[in-house]
Amino acid sequence: MTLMPELARRFGATLVIVAGLALAAWLFGTTYTTEAARECYRRYRSARTAADTAAVEAFVPASSGGHTPEVRSCGSLRQAARWFVLR
């Protein structure tokens, strides 16, 4: 009769670990994507020609900070993301 509580305890621990990993993956995927990055992504996805892409590169999303030093164009956001991925 001692096998059942041990099995239930292991199952509960496994369930907690899996839920924690799922929560961490969701948080990692959502917290590092800003509204400006999502707007740029949508624009890049809809660009069909090199001229469209060049226009997106120069575009500064309204949600990127306005007139603060952190203002970034879609091109600079893409370069920062590429650098981060390659390092």
Protein backbone atom coordinates (compact mmCIF):
# COMPACT_ATOMS: atom_id res chain seq x y z
CA MET A 1 0.00 0.00 0.00
CA THR A 2 2.97 2.37 0.28
CA LEU A 3 3.53 2.39 -3.47
CA MET A 4 0.47 4.53 -4.24
CA PRO A 5 1.40 7.60 -2.11
CA GLU A 6 4.96 7.46 -3.50
CA LEU A 7 3.65 7.31 -7.06
CA ALA A 8 1.24 10.18 -6.42
CA ARG A 9 4.04 12.27 -4.92
CA ARG A 10 6.32 11.66 -7.92
CA PHE A 11 3.51 12.42 -10.34
CA GLY A 12 2.76 15.67 -8.49
CA ALA A 13 6.42 16.70 -8.52
CA THR A 14 6.70 15.95 -12.22
CA LEU A 15 3.55 17.95 -12.91
CA VAL A 16 4.92 20.94 -10.97
CA ILE A 17 8.22 20.81 -12.87
CA VAL A 18 6.50 20.61 -16.26
CA ALA A 19 4.16 23.49 -15.35
CA GLY A 20 7.14 25.57 -14.18
CA LEU A 21 9.01 24.96 -17.42
CA ALA A 22 5.94 25.83 -19.48
CA LEU A 23 5.49 29.06 -17.51
CA ALA A 24 9.16 29.98 -17.95
CA ALA A 25 8.97 29.36 -21.70
CA TRP A 26 5.85 31.50 -22.00
CA LEU A 27 7.37 34.35 -19.97
CA PHE A 28 10.60 34.26 -21.94
CA GLY A 29 8.70 34.39 -25.22
CA THR A 30 6.46 37.28 -24.26
CA THR A 31 8.53 39.58 -22.07
CA TYR A 32 11.38 40.16 -24.49
CA THR A 33 9.15 41.12 -27.40
CA THR A 34 8.23 44.80 -27.26
CA GLU A 35 5.31 46.42 -29.04
CA ALA A 36 7.81 48.22 -31.32
CA ALA A 37 9.42 44.90 -32.28
CA ARG A 38 6.02 43.35 -33.02
CA GLU A 39 5.06 46.33 -35.18
CA CYS A 40 8.35 46.06 -37.10
CA TYR A 41 7.85 42.32 -37.52
CA ARG A 42 4.40 42.88 -39.03
CA ARG A 43 5.82 45.46 -41.44
CA TYR A 44 8.74 43.23 -42.46
CA ARG A 45 6.34 40.35 -43.02
CA SER A 46 4.19 42.45 -45.35
CA ALA A 47 7.16 43.87 -47.32
CA ARG A 48 7.26 42.33 -50.79
CA THR A 49 10.13 44.14 -52.54
CA ALA A 50 13.56 45.47 -51.61
CA ALA A 51 12.12 48.99 -51.65
CA ASP A 52 9.42 47.92 -49.17
CA THR A 53 12.09 46.44 -46.90
CA ALA A 54 14.19 49.62 -47.13
CA ALA A 55 11.15 51.66 -46.10
CA VAL A 56 10.61 49.38 -43.10
CA GLU A 57 14.31 49.67 -42.15
CA ALA A 58 13.93 53.45 -41.85
CA PHE A 59 10.56 53.34 -40.08
CA VAL A 60 10.55 54.35 -36.39
CA PRO A 61 7.58 52.83 -34.54
CA ALA A 62 5.55 55.21 -32.40
CA SER A 63 5.89 52.81 -29.48
CA SER A 64 9.72 52.87 -29.59
CA GLY A 65 10.08 55.75 -27.17
CA GLY A 66 9.08 58.95 -28.94
CA HIS A 67 11.73 61.64 -28.47
CA THR A 68 13.91 59.78 -25.99
CA PRO A 69 17.47 58.57 -26.61
CA GLU A 70 16.14 55.02 -26.89
CA VAL A 71 14.34 55.72 -30.18
CA ARG A 72 15.17 52.93 -32.58
CA SER A 73 14.21 52.31 -36.17
CA CYS A 74 13.06 48.89 -37.31
CA GLY A 75 16.45 48.43 -38.97
CA SER A 76 18.35 49.03 -35.74
CA LEU A 77 16.00 46.70 -33.85
CA ARG A 78 16.63 44.00 -36.44
CA GLN A 79 20.39 44.50 -36.27
CA ALA A 80 20.31 44.29 -32.47
CA ALA A 81 18.30 41.08 -32.63
CA ARG A 82 20.65 39.58 -35.23
CA TRP A 83 23.71 40.46 -33.12
CA PHE A 84 22.10 38.95 -30.03
CA VAL A 85 21.23 35.72 -31.84
CA LEU A 86 24.69 35.34 -33.38
CA ARG A 87 26.63 35.91 -30.16
